[in-house]
Amino acid sequence: MSKNLIVNTGSASKKYAIYERGGEIAFVHLEIGEGGFISTLKTTSGLVKEKISKKDWDDSLGFLVNLLKSKNIISDKKDITKVGIRVVAPGLSFQKNSVIDNQYLRDMKEAEGKAPLHMGMILEEIKKIKKFFGKNIPLVGISDSTFHNQMPDKARLYAIPLKDAKKHEIYRYGYHGISLRSIVNKLRSRDDLSEKIVVCHIGGGVSLTAIKDGVSIDTTMGFTPLEGMVMANRVGDIDSGALVYISEKLRLNNKRLMSYLNKECGLLGLSGGLSADIRDLLRLDEEENNLDARNALDVYAYRIKKQIGAYAVALGGLDTIVFSATVGERSFKMRKRICEGLEFLGLKLDECINNATEGVEAEISSKDSKVKVFVVKTDEMKVLAEETEQVKAL
């Protein structure tokens, strides 16, 4: 029986899943943790977690196939007959799911300079997939932006000359769309899909999305995933004049400036280089009364809180707030910080439920809250698998 491999790579993690007949039969998560490189395998038999070597990390596809063979999930890499991969890329070419052919690859390489942090990793993974499985394996790119395709022009356009926007395809595309589709599907399946929702996807990357009747009407990430909220290492919103000034004063060329904005800013920059990890900053704030850590957390939470208010206006009210992704799912302290001050919207947290919710799904608002607040675990791999199956190979 043929099997599909689903791939979702990041800077500090690599996620792989095997799907057969529409169902997940194995999920492998490779990540860089505090103790080094870690592999977590999830199957119907349970979870297996182990430390792995840097060699295994670098040769992740070889490690994956050997692991799956050892568990009798596949007999050979030839059992995998189709691969779907999450694509995070600006440009009109990447606003739909598509078979990755030579033209698609040329478009990706041309767009690499626009979002080097994500595009470079994806291109490298595609190269490894083709080398490992053979260049003829059907490979499908699943767009991380299609969920935002119905955003109105008032949310999609930048205030630059229209001719430049059209020529260079400079629009607000939005990202985290695969995660958002998963969340909307979950809410709909349990009859919790209200009319006016703000989803707070809070992880290493952070975005907020205003959803009306299940459709994205605005989102904080724009042309690239740099725009919007303060993130772990990414700058988020900043005065464009300040960018010109920074590049001049620090003598940064375009490539170096992009690296600076993607890797040296955000929580890491705000904290004076202490950490980009929410857990570290919370500890430094609470145990050591560190002002830089506190300021970083305050700016982070304030920007999110302010955006929730802005989206309540854009939606004409607010029914539901959803917290998702690593920080949103696991940090009750950050959820509390963000929700404090939103009582004027009619929002009331149930502190006991919020404090007890870590890595699980729950409604954390009180029974008399006018705004429902949920923690929802996103399932990007399931959405990727469903959409990969729908794209017909050449």
Protein backbone atom coordinates (compact mmCIF):
# COMPACT_ATOMS: atom_id res chain seq x y z
CA MET A 1 0.00 0.00 0.00
CA SER A 2 1.44 3.39 -1.03
CA LYS A 3 2.17 5.93 1.65
CA ASN A 4 2.50 9.73 1.64
CA LEU A 5 5.27 11.50 3.52
CA ILE A 6 4.36 14.91 4.96
CA VAL A 7 7.19 17.36 5.73
CA ASN A 8 7.13 20.50 7.87
CA THR A 9 10.57 21.92 8.59
CA GLY A 10 11.70 24.79 10.79
CA SER A 11 14.92 26.28 12.10
CA ALA A 12 14.87 24.24 15.33
CA SER A 13 12.54 21.38 14.42
CA LYS A 14 11.70 18.96 11.64
CA LYS A 15 8.30 17.26 11.55
CA TYR A 16 7.55 14.21 9.42
CA ALA A 17 4.39 12.14 9.19
CA ILE A 18 3.39 9.05 7.24
CA TYR A 19 -0.20 8.90 6.00
CA GLU A 20 -1.95 5.89 4.52
CA ARG A 21 -5.58 5.91 3.28
CA GLY A 22 -6.03 9.37 4.80
CA GLY A 23 -4.91 8.37 8.30
CA GLU A 24 -1.67 9.10 10.14
CA ILE A 25 0.25 5.94 10.96
CA ALA A 26 3.44 7.57 12.25
CA PHE A 27 4.65 11.01 13.31
CA VAL A 28 8.30 11.86 13.91
CA HIS A 29 9.39 15.14 15.49
CA LEU A 30 13.08 16.00 15.50
CA GLU A 31 14.02 19.04 17.56
CA ILE A 32 16.91 20.86 19.14
CA GLY A 33 16.29 20.79 22.89
CA GLU A 34 18.19 21.89 25.94
CA GLY A 35 20.03 18.56 26.06
CA GLY A 36 20.85 18.35 22.37
CA PHE A 37 19.02 16.68 19.49
CA ILE A 38 15.84 14.78 20.32
CA SER A 39 13.59 12.45 18.32
CA THR A 40 9.98 11.73 19.27
CA LEU A 41 8.11 8.98 17.44
CA LYS A 42 4.33 8.72 17.82
CA THR A 43 2.45 5.67 16.54
CA THR A 44 -0.67 3.79 17.57
CA SER A 45 1.60 1.96 20.02
CA GLY A 46 2.47 5.16 21.87
CA LEU A 47 5.40 7.58 22.16
CA VAL A 48 9.12 6.82 21.95
CA LYS A 49 11.50 9.66 22.81
CA GLU A 50 15.27 9.47 22.48
CA LYS A 51 18.38 11.54 22.05
CA ILE A 52 19.94 11.47 18.60
CA SER A 53 23.25 12.63 17.15
CA LYS A 54 23.93 15.70 15.06
CA LYS A 55 24.65 13.30 12.20
CA ASP A 56 21.11 11.93 12.51
CA TRP A 57 19.77 15.50 12.55
CA ASP A 58 21.72 16.43 9.43
CA ASP A 59 20.69 13.20 7.67
CA SER A 60 17.12 13.42 8.95
CA LEU A 61 15.55 11.58 5.99
CA GLY A 62 17.93 8.64 6.35
CA PHE A 63 17.30 8.58 10.11
CA LEU A 64 13.54 8.77 9.51
CA VAL A 65 13.45 5.85 7.06
CA ASN A 66 15.66 3.65 9.27
CA LEU A 67 13.44 4.43 12.27
CA LEU A 68 10.26 3.61 10.35
CA LYS A 69 11.78 0.39 9.04
CA SER A 70 12.80 -0.67 12.55
CA LYS A 71 9.16 -0.27 13.66
CA ASN A 72 7.82 -2.14 10.59
CA ILE A 73 5.94 0.95 9.42
CA ILE A 74 7.63 0.72 6.03
CA SER A 75 9.78 -1.99 4.50
CA ASP A 76 11.75 0.32 2.20
CA LYS A 77 11.89 3.97 1.23
CA LYS A 78 10.17 2.97 -2.03
CA ASP A 79 6.99 2.48 -0.01
CA ILE A 80 6.76 6.28 0.07
CA THR A 81 5.21 7.30 -3.23
CA LYS A 82 4.35 10.98 -2.70
CA VAL A 83 5.71 13.84 -0.58
CA GLY A 84 3.92 16.98 0.58
CA ILE A 85 5.86 19.89 2.07
CA ARG A 86 4.78 23.15 3.72
CA VAL A 87 5.90 26.16 1.67
CA VAL A 88 6.28 29.61 3.23
CA ALA A 89 6.94 32.02 0.38
CA PRO A 90 5.85 35.48 -0.81
CA GLY A 91 4.63 35.91 -4.38
CA LEU A 92 1.54 35.12 -6.43
CA SER A 93 3.03 31.80 -7.55
CA PHE A 94 2.79 30.48 -4.00
CA GLN A 95 -0.82 31.35 -3.21
CA LYS A 96 -2.07 27.90 -4.20
CA ASN A 97 -1.00 24.32 -3.68
CA SER A 98 0.99 22.94 -6.58
CA VAL A 99 3.21 20.15 -7.83
CA ILE A 100 6.82 21.23 -7.39
CA ASP A 101 8.18 21.13 -10.93
CA ASN A 102 11.16 22.90 -12.48
CA GLN A 103 9.22 26.16 -12.94
CA TYR A 104 8.08 26.09 -9.33
CA LEU A 105 11.68 25.62 -8.18
CA ARG A 106 12.84 28.52 -10.36
CA ASP A 107 10.15 30.71 -8.81
CA MET A 108 11.27 29.65 -5.34
CA LYS A 109 14.91 30.44 -5.99
CA GLU A 110 13.95 33.82 -7.41
CA ALA A 111 11.89 34.55 -4.29
CA GLU A 112 14.52 33.31 -1.84
CA GLY A 113 15.86 36.77 -1.08
CA LYS A 114 12.41 37.96 0.05
CA ALA A 115 12.16 35.49 2.94
CA PRO A 116 15.58 33.84 3.29
CA LEU A 117 14.97 32.37 6.75
CA HIS A 118 12.13 30.15 5.50
CA MET A 119 12.88 29.80 1.80
CA GLY A 120 16.45 28.64 2.32
CA MET A 121 15.35 25.82 4.64
CA ILE A 122 12.55 24.70 2.32
CA LEU A 123 14.75 24.70 -0.77
CA GLU A 124 17.41 22.72 1.09
CA GLU A 125 14.83 20.17 2.26
CA ILE A 126 13.43 19.79 -1.26
CA LYS A 127 16.95 19.20 -2.56
CA LYS A 128 17.51 16.50 0.07
CA ILE A 129 14.15 14.84 -0.68
CA LYS A 130 14.90 14.62 -4.40
CA LYS A 131 18.37 13.23 -3.75
CA PHE A 132 17.17 10.69 -1.18
CA PHE A 133 13.98 9.44 -2.87
CA GLY A 134 14.94 10.10 -6.49
CA LYS A 135 14.15 13.09 -8.65
CA ASN A 136 10.97 11.52 -10.06
CA ILE A 137 9.06 11.19 -6.77
CA PRO A 138 5.88 13.34 -6.88
CA LEU A 139 6.51 16.37 -4.66
CA VAL A 140 3.73 18.79 -3.69
CA GLY A 141 4.14 22.29 -2.25
CA ILE A 142 1.35 23.19 0.20
CA SER A 143 1.03 26.96 0.54
CA ASP A 144 1.01 28.45 4.03
CA SER A 145 -0.89 31.47 2.66
CA THR A 146 -3.99 30.14 0.88
CA PHE A 147 -6.13 30.54 4.00
CA HIS A 148 -5.74 34.33 3.60
CA ASN A 149 -6.64 34.48 -0.10
CA GLN A 150 -10.02 36.11 0.61
CA MET A 151 -8.60 39.01 2.61
CA PRO A 152 -10.07 42.28 1.30
CA ASP A 153 -7.85 44.77 -0.50
CA LYS A 154 -8.00 47.18 2.44
CA ALA A 155 -6.10 44.55 4.47
CA ARG A 156 -3.98 43.24 1.60
CA LEU A 157 -2.48 46.41 0.11
CA TYR A 158 0.55 48.41 1.21
CA ALA A 159 0.59 52.17 0.67
CA ILE A 160 3.18 52.03 -2.11
CA PRO A 161 2.72 52.92 -5.80
CA LEU A 162 0.35 50.40 -7.38
CA LYS A 163 2.64 49.89 -10.36
CA ASP A 164 5.45 48.77 -8.04
CA ALA A 165 3.16 46.48 -6.08
CA LYS A 166 1.91 44.83 -9.29
CA LYS A 167 5.31 44.54 -10.94
CA HIS A 168 7.04 43.03 -7.92
CA GLU A 169 3.99 41.31 -6.37
CA ILE A 170 4.31 43.18 -3.08
CA TYR A 171 1.17 42.41 -1.11
CA ARG A 172 0.25 41.26 2.37
CA TYR A 173 0.01 37.51 1.85
CA GLY A 174 -0.14 36.30 5.46
CA TYR A 175 1.17 32.99 6.84
CA HIS A 176 0.37 30.30 9.43
CA GLY A 177 -2.56 29.48 7.15
CA ILE A 178 -2.21 25.70 7.48
CA SER A 179 -2.37 26.00 11.25
CA LEU A 180 -5.37 28.34 11.01
CA ARG A 181 -7.25 25.95 8.74
CA SER A 182 -6.68 23.18 11.28
CA ILE A 183 -8.05 25.38 14.09
CA VAL A 184 -11.14 26.42 12.11
CA ASN A 185 -11.80 22.78 11.19
CA LYS A 186 -11.58 21.76 14.84
CA LEU A 187 -13.86 24.54 16.05
CA ARG A 188 -16.39 23.74 13.34
CA SER A 189 -16.38 20.02 14.13
CA ARG A 190 -17.36 20.66 17.77
CA ASP A 191 -19.77 23.51 17.02
CA ASP A 192 -17.52 26.19 18.57
CA LEU A 193 -16.97 28.16 15.34
CA SER A 194 -18.41 31.56 16.25
CA GLU A 195 -18.81 34.52 13.91
CA LYS A 196 -15.97 36.75 15.18
CA ILE A 197 -12.71 35.07 16.19
CA VAL A 198 -9.14 36.18 16.85
CA VAL A 199 -6.57 33.39 16.66
CA CYS A 200 -3.31 34.00 18.51
CA HIS A 201 -0.70 31.67 17.01
CA ILE A 202 2.11 32.15 19.51
CA GLY A 203 5.30 30.15 19.07
CA GLY A 204 8.77 31.00 17.76
CA GLY A 205 6.83 32.86 15.08
CA VAL A 206 3.81 34.86 16.19
CA SER A 207 0.76 35.96 14.24
CA LEU A 208 -2.77 37.07 15.04
CA THR A 209 -5.60 36.57 12.57
CA ALA A 210 -9.10 38.06 12.49
CA ILE A 211 -11.56 35.42 11.26
CA LYS A 212 -15.17 36.23 10.37
CA ASP A 213 -17.53 33.37 9.56
CA GLY A 214 -14.54 31.06 9.11
CA VAL A 215 -12.74 33.40 6.66
CA SER A 216 -9.55 35.39 7.26
CA ILE A 217 -10.23 39.12 6.94
CA ASP A 218 -6.87 40.33 8.27
CA THR A 219 -3.64 38.94 9.69
CA THR A 220 -0.47 40.41 11.17
CA MET A 221 2.15 38.74 8.98
CA GLY A 222 2.41 40.40 5.60
CA PHE A 223 4.67 40.20 2.56
CA THR A 224 7.01 38.04 4.62
CA PRO A 225 6.71 36.42 8.07
CA LEU A 226 8.71 39.34 9.50
CA GLU A 227 5.77 41.71 9.80
CA GLY A 228 3.52 41.99 12.82
CA MET A 229 4.10 40.83 16.36
CA VAL A 230 7.31 40.62 18.36
CA MET A 231 8.62 37.07 17.89
CA ALA A 232 11.41 34.98 19.39
CA ASN A 233 14.12 36.35 17.09
CA ARG A 234 12.12 38.33 14.53
CA VAL A 235 11.58 42.06 14.77
CA GLY A 236 7.89 42.38 13.93
CA ASP A 237 6.52 45.85 13.18
CA ILE A 238 9.12 48.63 13.01
CA ASP A 239 9.27 52.10 11.47
CA SER A 240 10.56 51.67 7.91
CA GLY A 241 12.64 54.82 8.41
CA ALA A 242 14.37 53.11 11.32
CA LEU A 243 15.34 50.24 9.01
CA VAL A 244 17.11 52.60 6.65
CA TYR A 245 18.84 54.27 9.60
CA ILE A 246 19.91 50.93 11.12
CA SER A 247 21.33 49.67 7.83
CA GLU A 248 23.34 52.88 7.43
CA LYS A 249 24.65 53.06 10.99
CA LEU A 250 25.51 49.35 11.25
CA ARG A 251 26.70 49.23 7.64
CA LEU A 252 24.49 46.28 6.78
CA ASN A 253 23.95 45.18 3.21
CA ASN A 254 20.53 43.74 2.31
CA LYS A 255 21.46 40.14 3.11
CA ARG A 256 23.00 41.06 6.45
CA LEU A 257 20.05 43.31 7.32
CA MET A 258 17.60 40.46 6.68
CA SER A 259 19.64 38.20 8.93
CA TYR A 260 19.71 40.89 11.62
CA LEU A 261 15.92 41.35 11.50
CA ASN A 262 15.20 37.60 11.45
CA LYS A 263 17.77 36.33 13.95
CA GLU A 264 18.96 39.10 16.28
CA CYS A 265 15.78 40.98 17.18
CA GLY A 266 12.48 40.07 18.83
CA LEU A 267 12.65 38.78 22.40
CA LEU A 268 16.34 38.09 22.00
CA GLY A 269 17.10 41.69 21.08
CA LEU A 270 14.66 43.24 23.56
CA SER A 271 16.17 41.25 26.44
CA GLY A 272 19.68 42.43 25.62
CA GLY A 273 20.65 39.04 24.28
CA LEU A 274 19.53 37.10 27.38
CA SER A 275 17.25 34.66 25.58
CA ALA A 276 14.63 34.23 22.86
CA ASP A 277 12.85 31.61 24.99
CA ILE A 278 9.74 32.67 26.92
CA ARG A 279 10.54 30.14 29.69
CA ASP A 280 13.98 31.62 30.32
CA LEU A 281 12.64 35.18 30.38
CA LEU A 282 9.82 34.30 32.77
CA ARG A 283 12.29 32.68 35.13
CA LEU A 284 14.65 35.66 34.95
CA ASP A 285 11.77 38.03 35.62
CA GLU A 286 10.24 36.06 38.51
CA GLU A 287 13.34 34.67 40.22
CA GLU A 288 15.96 37.34 39.52
CA ASN A 289 13.78 40.43 39.03
CA ASN A 290 15.61 41.05 35.74
CA LEU A 291 14.32 44.29 34.19
CA ASP A 292 15.42 43.47 30.63
CA ALA A 293 13.59 40.14 30.72
CA ARG A 294 10.48 41.83 32.13
CA ASN A 295 10.51 44.57 29.51
CA ALA A 296 10.85 42.00 26.73
CA LEU A 297 7.84 40.06 28.04
CA ASP A 298 5.82 43.24 28.58
CA VAL A 299 6.40 44.47 25.02
CA TYR A 300 5.60 41.01 23.65
CA ALA A 301 2.31 40.73 25.57
CA TYR A 302 1.34 44.38 25.02
CA ARG A 303 1.64 44.11 21.22
CA ILE A 304 -0.55 41.00 21.19
CA LYS A 305 -3.11 42.57 23.54
CA LYS A 306 -3.24 45.74 21.44
CA GLN A 307 -3.76 43.73 18.26
CA ILE A 308 -6.63 41.78 19.81
CA GLY A 309 -8.30 45.14 20.47
CA ALA A 310 -7.65 46.29 16.92
CA TYR A 311 -9.14 43.11 15.48
CA ALA A 312 -12.19 43.43 17.73
CA VAL A 313 -12.78 46.72 15.90
CA ALA A 314 -12.10 45.17 12.46
CA LEU A 315 -14.55 42.35 13.21
CA GLY A 316 -17.19 44.63 14.69
CA GLY A 317 -17.03 42.79 17.98
CA LEU A 318 -15.42 39.69 19.43
CA ASP A 319 -16.91 36.28 20.27
CA THR A 320 -13.85 34.07 20.69
CA ILE A 321 -10.09 34.20 21.28
CA VAL A 322 -8.03 31.10 20.45
CA PHE A 323 -4.51 30.49 21.75
CA SER A 324 -2.42 28.02 19.78
CA ALA A 325 1.20 26.97 18.98
CA THR A 326 3.94 26.30 21.53
CA VAL A 327 3.59 29.33 23.81
CA GLY A 328 -0.16 29.66 23.33
CA GLU A 329 -0.72 26.00 24.21
CA ARG A 330 1.82 25.64 27.01
CA SER A 331 2.26 28.94 28.86
CA PHE A 332 -0.64 29.79 31.18
CA LYS A 333 1.42 32.71 32.45
CA MET A 334 1.64 34.37 29.05
CA ARG A 335 -2.03 33.73 28.33
CA LYS A 336 -2.88 35.49 31.61
CA ARG A 337 -0.56 38.43 30.80
CA ILE A 338 -2.16 38.85 27.40
CA CYS A 339 -5.76 38.64 28.66
CA GLU A 340 -5.24 41.05 31.57
CA GLY A 341 -6.75 44.40 30.59
CA LEU A 342 -9.20 42.92 28.10
CA GLU A 343 -12.00 42.77 30.67
CA PHE A 344 -13.70 45.73 28.96
CA LEU A 345 -14.49 43.34 26.09
CA GLY A 346 -16.38 41.15 28.53
CA LEU A 347 -13.53 38.64 28.81
CA LYS A 348 -13.01 36.73 32.05
CA LEU A 349 -10.48 33.95 32.47
CA ASP A 350 -11.09 30.99 34.74
CA GLU A 351 -7.73 31.16 36.47
CA CYS A 352 -7.85 27.61 37.82
CA ILE A 353 -8.57 26.07 34.42
CA ASN A 354 -6.03 28.34 32.69
CA ASN A 355 -3.31 27.40 35.19
CA ALA A 356 -4.02 23.70 34.71
CA THR A 357 -3.98 23.86 30.92
CA GLU A 358 -0.61 22.97 29.40
CA GLY A 359 -0.32 21.18 26.09
CA VAL A 360 -3.98 20.17 26.10
CA GLU A 361 -7.15 21.66 24.65
CA ALA A 362 -9.57 23.48 26.94
CA GLU A 363 -11.97 26.37 27.28
CA ILE A 364 -10.21 28.64 29.78
CA SER A 365 -12.76 31.46 30.03
CA SER A 366 -15.20 31.58 32.95
CA LYS A 367 -18.83 30.58 32.48
CA ASP A 368 -20.00 34.21 32.65
CA SER A 369 -17.40 35.51 30.17
CA LYS A 370 -18.92 37.24 27.14
CA VAL A 371 -15.84 36.29 25.09
CA LYS A 372 -14.96 32.61 24.96
CA VAL A 373 -11.26 31.76 25.25
CA PHE A 374 -9.96 28.42 23.99
CA VAL A 375 -6.62 26.67 23.88
CA VAL A 376 -6.56 24.64 20.67
CA LYS A 377 -3.76 22.33 19.56
CA THR A 378 -3.09 22.88 15.90
CA ASP A 379 -2.69 19.84 13.64
CA GLU A 380 -0.82 21.14 10.63
CA MET A 381 0.26 17.68 9.53
CA LYS A 382 -3.33 16.50 9.06
CA VAL A 383 -4.17 19.54 6.90
CA LEU A 384 -0.95 19.11 4.92
CA ALA A 385 -1.81 15.44 4.32
CA GLU A 386 -5.37 16.21 3.20
CA GLU A 387 -4.24 18.91 0.79
CA THR A 388 -1.33 16.82 -0.52
CA GLU A 389 -3.79 14.05 -1.37
CA GLN A 390 -5.97 16.51 -3.32
CA VAL A 391 -3.14 17.71 -5.60
CA LYS A 392 -2.77 15.39 -8.56
CA ALA A 393 0.80 14.46 -9.47
CA LEU A 394 2.00 15.13 -13.01
